[in-house]
PDB file of N, CA and C in Angstrom:
ATOM      1  N   MET A   1      -9.328  -2.050 -16.593  1.00  0.00           N
ATOM      2  CA  MET A   1      -8.430  -2.804 -16.411  1.00  0.00           C
ATOM      3  C   MET A   1      -8.906  -3.296 -15.138  1.00  0.00           C
ATOM      4  N   VAL A   2      -9.044  -5.200 -15.222  1.00  0.00           N
ATOM      5  CA  VAL A   2      -9.543  -6.162 -14.435  1.00  0.00           C
ATOM      6  C   VAL A   2      -8.960  -6.421 -13.383  1.00  0.00           C
ATOM      7  N   PHE A   3      -9.589  -5.883 -11.970  1.00  0.00           N
ATOM      8  CA  PHE A   3      -8.407  -6.214 -10.707  1.00  0.00           C
ATOM      9  C   PHE A   3      -9.734  -7.359  -9.796  1.00  0.00           C
ATOM     10  N   THR A   4      -8.582  -8.240  -9.365  1.00  0.00           N
ATOM     11  CA  THR A   4      -9.069  -8.771  -8.209  1.00  0.00           C
ATOM     12  C   THR A   4      -8.875  -8.137  -6.496  1.00  0.00           C
ATOM     13  N   TYR A   5      -9.075  -8.206  -6.106  1.00  0.00           N
ATOM     14  CA  TYR A   5      -9.036  -7.433  -4.658  1.00  0.00           C
ATOM     15  C   TYR A   5      -9.325  -8.833  -3.087  1.00  0.00           C
ATOM     16  N   TYR A   6      -7.862  -8.721  -2.200  1.00  0.00           N
ATOM     17  CA  TYR A   6      -8.430  -9.760  -1.183  1.00  0.00           C
ATOM     18  C   TYR A   6      -8.082  -9.514  -0.201  1.00  0.00           C
ATOM     19  N   ILE A   7      -9.090  -9.660   0.891  1.00  0.00           N
ATOM     20  CA  ILE A   7      -8.576  -8.875   2.027  1.00  0.00           C
ATOM     21  C   ILE A   7      -8.284 -10.290   2.469  1.00  0.00           C
ATOM     22  N   VAL A   8      -6.821  -9.817   3.772  1.00  0.00           N
ATOM     23  CA  VAL A   8      -6.438 -11.371   4.557  1.00  0.00           C
ATOM     24  C   VAL A   8      -5.773 -10.313   5.272  1.00  0.00           C
ATOM     25  N   PRO A   9      -5.608 -11.558   6.213  1.00  0.00           N
ATOM     26  CA  PRO A   9      -4.365 -10.965   7.761  1.00  0.00           C
ATOM     27  C   PRO A   9      -3.556 -10.734   7.414  1.00  0.00           C
ATOM     28  N   ALA A  10      -2.363 -10.054   8.268  1.00  0.00           N
ATOM     29  CA  ALA A  10      -1.284  -9.502   7.522  1.00  0.00           C
ATOM     30  C   ALA A  10      -0.144 -10.460   7.236  1.00  0.00           C
ATOM     31  N   GLY A  11       0.349 -10.120   5.936  1.00  0.00           N
ATOM     32  CA  GLY A  11       1.551 -11.237   5.541  1.00  0.00           C
ATOM     33  C   GLY A  11       0.628 -12.720   4.835  1.00  0.00           C
ATOM     34  N   GLY A  12      -0.556 -12.591   4.711  1.00  0.00           N
ATOM     35  CA  GLY A  12      -1.172 -13.783   4.341  1.00  0.00           C
ATOM     36  C   GLY A  12      -1.023 -14.042   3.041  1.00  0.00           C
ATOM     37  N   HIS A  13      -2.208 -14.914   2.370  1.00  0.00           N
ATOM     38  CA  HIS A  13      -2.171 -15.142   0.787  1.00  0.00           C
ATOM     39  C   HIS A  13      -3.442 -15.179   0.361  1.00  0.00           C
ATOM     40  N   ALA A  14      -3.679 -14.793  -0.774  1.00  0.00           N
ATOM     41  CA  ALA A  14      -5.317 -15.119  -1.888  1.00  0.00           C
ATOM     42  C   ALA A  14      -6.121 -16.186  -0.794  1.00  0.00           C
ATOM     43  N   GLY A  15      -5.550 -17.212  -0.544  1.00  0.00           N
ATOM     44  CA  GLY A  15      -6.243 -18.019  -0.004  1.00  0.00           C
ATOM     45  C   GLY A  15      -6.362 -18.131   1.270  1.00  0.00           C
ATOM     46  N   GLN A  16      -6.508 -17.565   2.142  1.00  0.00           N
ATOM     47  CA  GLN A  16      -5.969 -17.050   3.465  1.00  0.00           C
ATOM     48  C   GLN A  16      -7.265 -15.621   3.615  1.00  0.00           C
ATOM     49  N   GLU A  17      -8.032 -15.879   2.472  1.00  0.00           N
ATOM     50  CA  GLU A  17      -9.260 -14.640   2.145  1.00  0.00           C
ATOM     51  C   GLU A  17     -10.150 -14.211   3.424  1.00  0.00           C
ATOM     52  N   LEU A  18     -10.366 -13.155   3.587  1.00  0.00           N
ATOM     53  CA  LEU A  18     -11.647 -13.025   4.737  1.00  0.00           C
ATOM     54  C   LEU A  18     -12.550 -12.656   3.212  1.00  0.00           C
ATOM     55  N   VAL A  19     -12.703 -12.010   2.467  1.00  0.00           N
ATOM     56  CA  VAL A  19     -13.934 -11.475   1.522  1.00  0.00           C
ATOM     57  C   VAL A  19     -12.934 -11.403   0.252  1.00  0.00           C
ATOM     58  N   SER A  20     -13.204 -11.559  -0.796  1.00  0.00           N
ATOM     59  CA  SER A  20     -12.422 -11.186  -2.094  1.00  0.00           C
ATOM     60  C   SER A  20     -13.620 -10.479  -3.318  1.00  0.00           C
ATOM     61  N   GLY A  21     -13.234 -10.107  -4.197  1.00  0.00           N
ATOM     62  CA  GLY A  21     -13.759  -9.412  -5.427  1.00  0.00           C
ATOM     63  C   GLY A  21     -12.914  -8.884  -6.350  1.00  0.00           C
ATOM     64  N   SER A  22     -14.089  -8.395  -6.997  1.00  0.00           N
ATOM     65  CA  SER A  22     -13.202  -8.086  -8.883  1.00  0.00           C
ATOM     66  C   SER A  22     -13.660  -6.297  -9.094  1.00  0.00           C
ATOM     67  N   LEU A  23     -13.132  -5.801  -9.640  1.00  0.00           N
ATOM     68  CA  LEU A  23     -13.284  -4.437  -9.931  1.00  0.00           C
ATOM     69  C   LEU A  23     -13.062  -3.684 -11.437  1.00  0.00           C
ATOM     70  N   TYR A  24     -13.534  -3.768 -12.617  1.00  0.00           N
ATOM     71  CA  TYR A  24     -13.234  -2.788 -13.322  1.00  0.00           C
ATOM     72  C   TYR A  24     -12.608  -1.223 -13.156  1.00  0.00           C
ATOM     73  N   ILE A  25     -11.511  -0.838 -13.225  1.00  0.00           N
ATOM     74  CA  ILE A  25     -11.178   0.495 -13.380  1.00  0.00           C
ATOM     75  C   ILE A  25     -10.341   0.747 -14.502  1.00  0.00           C
ATOM     76  N   GLY A  26     -10.219   2.567 -14.436  1.00  0.00           N
ATOM     77  CA  GLY A  26      -9.091   3.078 -15.062  1.00  0.00           C
ATOM     78  C   GLY A  26      -7.780   2.507 -15.117  1.00  0.00           C
ATOM     79  N   ASP A  27      -7.217   2.964 -13.730  1.00  0.00           N
ATOM     80  CA  ASP A  27      -5.697   2.639 -13.509  1.00  0.00           C
ATOM     81  C   ASP A  27      -5.289   2.180 -12.555  1.00  0.00           C
ATOM     82  N   ILE A  28      -3.919   1.538 -12.178  1.00  0.00           N
ATOM     83  CA  ILE A  28      -3.492   1.011 -10.867  1.00  0.00           C
ATOM     84  C   ILE A  28      -3.817   2.201  -9.898  1.00  0.00           C
ATOM     85  N   GLU A  29      -3.542   3.147  -9.839  1.00  0.00           N
ATOM     86  CA  GLU A  29      -3.463   3.914  -8.839  1.00  0.00           C
ATOM     87  C   GLU A  29      -4.881   4.048  -7.620  1.00  0.00           C
ATOM     88  N   SER A  30      -6.030   4.242  -8.863  1.00  0.00           N
ATOM     89  CA  SER A  30      -7.219   4.179  -8.662  1.00  0.00           C
ATOM     90  C   SER A  30      -7.683   3.156  -8.224  1.00  0.00           C
ATOM     91  N   ALA A  31      -6.950   1.975  -8.220  1.00  0.00           N
ATOM     92  CA  ALA A  31      -7.693   0.722  -8.246  1.00  0.00           C
ATOM     93  C   ALA A  31      -7.125   0.259  -6.190  1.00  0.00           C
ATOM     94  N   LYS A  32      -5.807   0.690  -5.948  1.00  0.00           N
ATOM     95  CA  LYS A  32      -5.246   0.652  -5.030  1.00  0.00           C
ATOM     96  C   LYS A  32      -6.336   1.618  -3.758  1.00  0.00           C
ATOM     97  N   ARG A  33      -6.463   2.641  -4.417  1.00  0.00           N
ATOM     98  CA  ARG A  33      -6.953   3.769  -3.187  1.00  0.00           C
ATOM     99  C   ARG A  33      -8.802   2.937  -2.925  1.00  0.00           C
ATOM    100  N   HIS A  34      -9.222   2.587  -3.884  1.00  0.00           N
ATOM    101  CA  HIS A  34     -10.976   1.874  -4.289  1.00  0.00           C
ATOM    102  C   HIS A  34     -10.681   0.540  -3.014  1.00  0.00           C
ATOM    103  N   VAL A  35      -9.600  -0.327  -3.522  1.00  0.00           N
ATOM    104  CA  VAL A  35      -9.728  -1.275  -2.321  1.00  0.00           C
ATOM    105  C   VAL A  35      -9.320  -1.536  -0.505  1.00  0.00           C
ATOM    106  N   GLN A  36      -8.694   0.068  -0.695  1.00  0.00           N
ATOM    107  CA  GLN A  36      -7.889   0.198   0.400  1.00  0.00           C
ATOM    108  C   GLN A  36      -9.590   0.880   1.498  1.00  0.00           C
ATOM    109  N   THR A  37     -10.415   1.063   0.715  1.00  0.00           N
ATOM    110  CA  THR A  37     -11.461   1.613   1.354  1.00  0.00           C
ATOM    111  C   THR A  37     -12.942   0.522   0.721  1.00  0.00           C
ATOM    112  N   VAL A  38     -13.067  -0.798   0.528  1.00  0.00           N
ATOM    113  CA  VAL A  38     -13.788  -1.143  -0.305  1.00  0.00           C
ATOM    114  C   VAL A  38     -15.021  -1.814   0.699  1.00  0.00           C
ATOM    115  N   THR A  39     -15.730  -1.324   0.788  1.00  0.00           N
ATOM    116  CA  THR A  39     -17.225  -2.419   2.144  1.00  0.00           C
ATOM    117  C   THR A  39     -16.725  -3.528   2.601  1.00  0.00           C
ATOM    118  N   ALA A  40     -16.891  -4.523   2.949  1.00  0.00           N
ATOM    119  CA  ALA A  40     -16.679  -5.580   2.970  1.00  0.00           C
ATOM    120  C   ALA A  40     -17.339  -6.767   4.201  1.00  0.00           C
ATOM    121  N   HIS A  41     -18.636  -7.056   3.633  1.00  0.00           N
ATOM    122  CA  HIS A  41     -19.431  -7.248   4.795  1.00  0.00           C
ATOM    123  C   HIS A  41     -19.308  -8.220   5.475  1.00  0.00           C
ATOM    124  N   GLY A  42     -19.486  -8.304   6.604  1.00  0.00           N
ATOM    125  CA  GLY A  42     -18.380  -8.731   7.828  1.00  0.00           C
ATOM    126  C   GLY A  42     -16.803  -8.733   8.342  1.00  0.00           C
ATOM    127  N   VAL A  43     -16.518  -7.723   7.416  1.00  0.00           N
ATOM    128  CA  VAL A  43     -15.810  -7.620   7.930  1.00  0.00           C
ATOM    129  C   VAL A  43     -15.258  -6.083   8.863  1.00  0.00           C
ATOM    130  N   VAL A  44     -14.251  -6.118  10.200  1.00  0.00           N
ATOM    131  CA  VAL A  44     -13.979  -4.715  10.571  1.00  0.00           C
ATOM    132  C   VAL A  44     -12.835  -4.028  10.740  1.00  0.00           C
ATOM    133  N   ALA A  45     -12.457  -3.029  10.314  1.00  0.00           N
ATOM    134  CA  ALA A  45     -11.329  -3.026   9.697  1.00  0.00           C
ATOM    135  C   ALA A  45     -10.384  -2.492  11.096  1.00  0.00           C
ATOM    136  N   LYS A  46      -9.489  -3.087  10.986  1.00  0.00           N
ATOM    137  CA  LYS A  46      -8.845  -3.316  12.156  1.00  0.00           C
ATOM    138  C   LYS A  46      -7.266  -3.395  11.957  1.00  0.00           C
ATOM    139  N   PRO A  47      -5.915  -3.329  12.991  1.00  0.00           N
ATOM    140  CA  PRO A  47      -4.536  -3.695  12.705  1.00  0.00           C
ATOM    141  C   PRO A  47      -4.786  -5.087  12.157  1.00  0.00           C
ATOM    142  N   GLY A  48      -3.353  -5.105  11.222  1.00  0.00           N
ATOM    143  CA  GLY A  48      -3.238  -6.766  10.905  1.00  0.00           C
ATOM    144  C   GLY A  48      -4.161  -7.565   9.625  1.00  0.00           C
ATOM    145  N   LEU A  49      -4.750  -6.523   9.094  1.00  0.00           N
ATOM    146  CA  LEU A  49      -5.731  -6.476   7.909  1.00  0.00           C
ATOM    147  C   LEU A  49      -5.191  -5.999   6.326  1.00  0.00           C
ATOM    148  N   GLU A  50      -4.825  -6.225   5.856  1.00  0.00           N
ATOM    149  CA  GLU A  50      -4.169  -6.173   4.562  1.00  0.00           C
ATOM    150  C   GLU A  50      -5.461  -6.296   2.788  1.00  0.00           C
ATOM    151  N   VAL A  51      -4.632  -5.684   2.447  1.00  0.00           N
ATOM    152  CA  VAL A  51      -5.493  -6.031   1.158  1.00  0.00           C
ATOM    153  C   VAL A  51      -4.471  -6.475  -0.182  1.00  0.00           C
ATOM    154  N   ILE A  52      -4.580  -7.899  -0.674  1.00  0.00           N
ATOM    155  CA  ILE A  52      -3.811  -8.104  -1.912  1.00  0.00           C
ATOM    156  C   ILE A  52      -5.299  -7.208  -3.136  1.00  0.00           C
ATOM    157  N   LEU A  53      -3.944  -6.885  -3.964  1.00  0.00           N
ATOM    158  CA  LEU A  53      -4.523  -6.206  -5.503  1.00  0.00           C
ATOM    159  C   LEU A  53      -3.457  -7.208  -6.533  1.00  0.00           C
ATOM    160  N   GLN A  54      -4.450  -8.146  -7.215  1.00  0.00           N
ATOM    161  CA  GLN A  54      -4.098  -8.941  -8.550  1.00  0.00           C
ATOM    162  C   GLN A  54      -4.336  -8.023 -10.026  1.00  0.00           C
ATOM    163  N   ASP A  55      -3.375  -7.774 -10.678  1.00  0.00           N
ATOM    164  CA  ASP A  55      -3.757  -8.039 -11.971  1.00  0.00           C
ATOM    165  C   ASP A  55      -4.812  -9.362 -13.308  1.00  0.00           C
ATOM    166  N   GLY A  56      -5.598  -8.843 -13.661  1.00  0.00           N
ATOM    167  CA  GLY A  56      -6.231  -9.930 -14.213  1.00  0.00           C
ATOM    168  C   GLY A  56      -5.644 -11.132 -14.921  1.00  0.00           C
ATOM    169  N   THR A  57      -3.806 -11.650 -14.877  1.00  0.00           N
ATOM    170  CA  THR A  57      -3.396 -12.820 -15.187  1.00  0.00           C
ATOM    171  C   THR A  57      -3.701 -13.062 -13.904  1.00  0.00           C
ATOM    172  N   GLY A  58      -3.513 -12.760 -12.445  1.00  0.00           N
ATOM    173  CA  GLY A  58      -3.341 -13.199 -11.148  1.00  0.00           C
ATOM    174  C   GLY A  58      -2.026 -13.075 -10.314  1.00  0.00           C
ATOM    175  N   ARG A  59      -1.367 -12.455 -10.883  1.00  0.00           N
ATOM    176  CA  ARG A  59      -0.279 -11.895 -10.672  1.00  0.00           C
ATOM    177  C   ARG A  59      -0.557 -10.243  -9.536  1.00  0.00           C
ATOM    178  N   GLU A  60       0.056 -10.933  -7.870  1.00  0.00           N
ATOM    179  CA  GLU A  60       0.207  -9.810  -7.315  1.00  0.00           C
ATOM    180  C   GLU A  60       0.963  -8.619  -7.770  1.00  0.00           C
ATOM    181  N   ILE A  61       0.055  -6.985  -7.796  1.00  0.00           N
ATOM    182  CA  ILE A  61       0.685  -6.380  -7.908  1.00  0.00           C
ATOM    183  C   ILE A  61       0.649  -5.202  -7.277  1.00  0.00           C
ATOM    184  N   TRP A  62       0.296  -5.087  -5.589  1.00  0.00           N
ATOM    185  CA  TRP A  62       0.504  -4.255  -4.731  1.00  0.00           C
ATOM    186  C   TRP A  62      -0.082  -5.033  -3.725  1.00  0.00           C
ATOM    187  N   ARG A  63      -0.119  -4.673  -2.420  1.00  0.00           N
ATOM    188  CA  ARG A  63      -0.080  -4.838  -0.814  1.00  0.00           C
ATOM    189  C   ARG A  63      -0.358  -3.905  -0.725  1.00  0.00           C
ATOM    190  N   GLY A  64      -1.378  -3.663  -0.034  1.00  0.00           N
ATOM    191  CA  GLY A  64      -1.257  -2.672   1.294  1.00  0.00           C
ATOM    192  C   GLY A  64      -2.677  -2.835   2.384  1.00  0.00           C
ATOM    193  N   PRO A  65      -1.935  -1.494   3.283  1.00  0.00           N
ATOM    194  CA  PRO A  65      -3.348  -1.918   4.131  1.00  0.00           C
ATOM    195  C   PRO A  65      -4.852  -1.719   4.494  1.00  0.00           C
ATOM    196  N   TYR A  66      -5.719  -2.531   4.643  1.00  0.00           N
ATOM    197  CA  TYR A  66      -7.147  -2.982   4.607  1.00  0.00           C
ATOM    198  C   TYR A  66      -7.614  -1.365   5.327  1.00  0.00           C
ATOM    199  N   LEU A  67      -8.410  -0.134   5.384  1.00  0.00           N
ATOM    200  CA  LEU A  67      -8.680   0.855   5.756  1.00  0.00           C
ATOM    201  C   LEU A  67      -9.669   0.886   6.651  1.00  0.00           C
ATOM    202  N   GLY A  68     -10.724   0.050   5.270  1.00  0.00           N
ATOM    203  CA  GLY A  68     -12.442   0.270   5.733  1.00  0.00           C
ATOM    204  C   GLY A  68     -13.001   0.653   5.610  1.00  0.00           C
ATOM    205  N   GLY A  69     -14.642   0.216   5.272  1.00  0.00           N
ATOM    206  CA  GLY A  69     -14.887   1.057   3.898  1.00  0.00           C
ATOM    207  C   GLY A  69     -15.878   2.596   5.175  1.00  0.00           C
ATOM    208  N   ASP A  70     -15.644   2.638   5.880  1.00  0.00           N
ATOM    209  CA  ASP A  70     -16.148   4.094   6.705  1.00  0.00           C
ATOM    210  C   ASP A  70     -14.636   4.557   6.281  1.00  0.00           C
ATOM    211  N   HIS A  71     -13.862   4.584   5.833  1.00  0.00           N
ATOM    212  CA  HIS A  71     -12.635   5.531   5.576  1.00  0.00           C
ATOM    213  C   HIS A  71     -13.167   6.416   4.024  1.00  0.00           C
ATOM    214  N   ALA A  72     -12.983   7.949   4.191  1.00  0.00           N
ATOM    215  CA  ALA A  72     -13.625   8.470   3.122  1.00  0.00           C
ATOM    216  C   ALA A  72     -12.253   8.459   2.314  1.00  0.00           C
ATOM    217  N   GLY A  73     -12.264   8.292   0.770  1.00  0.00           N
ATOM    218  CA  GLY A  73     -11.047   7.830   0.420  1.00  0.00           C
ATOM    219  C   GLY A  73     -11.046   9.017  -1.121  1.00  0.00           C
TER     220      GLY A  73
END
């Protein structure tokens, strides 16, 4: 499955992205875990950042806290 993710300020939308990317991964649960801890150049994990996960059609399918790339998943 192909997913797109956006790291945004809490409550934000994809157009307010600090970082975006895409990934090819087997299922949505794995995608959720991965995008919460993806290393994002220039973005420091702090309260108030979220990750938006979209499916291949651009539909938001999940939103959760960004934990940062130094987090063990």
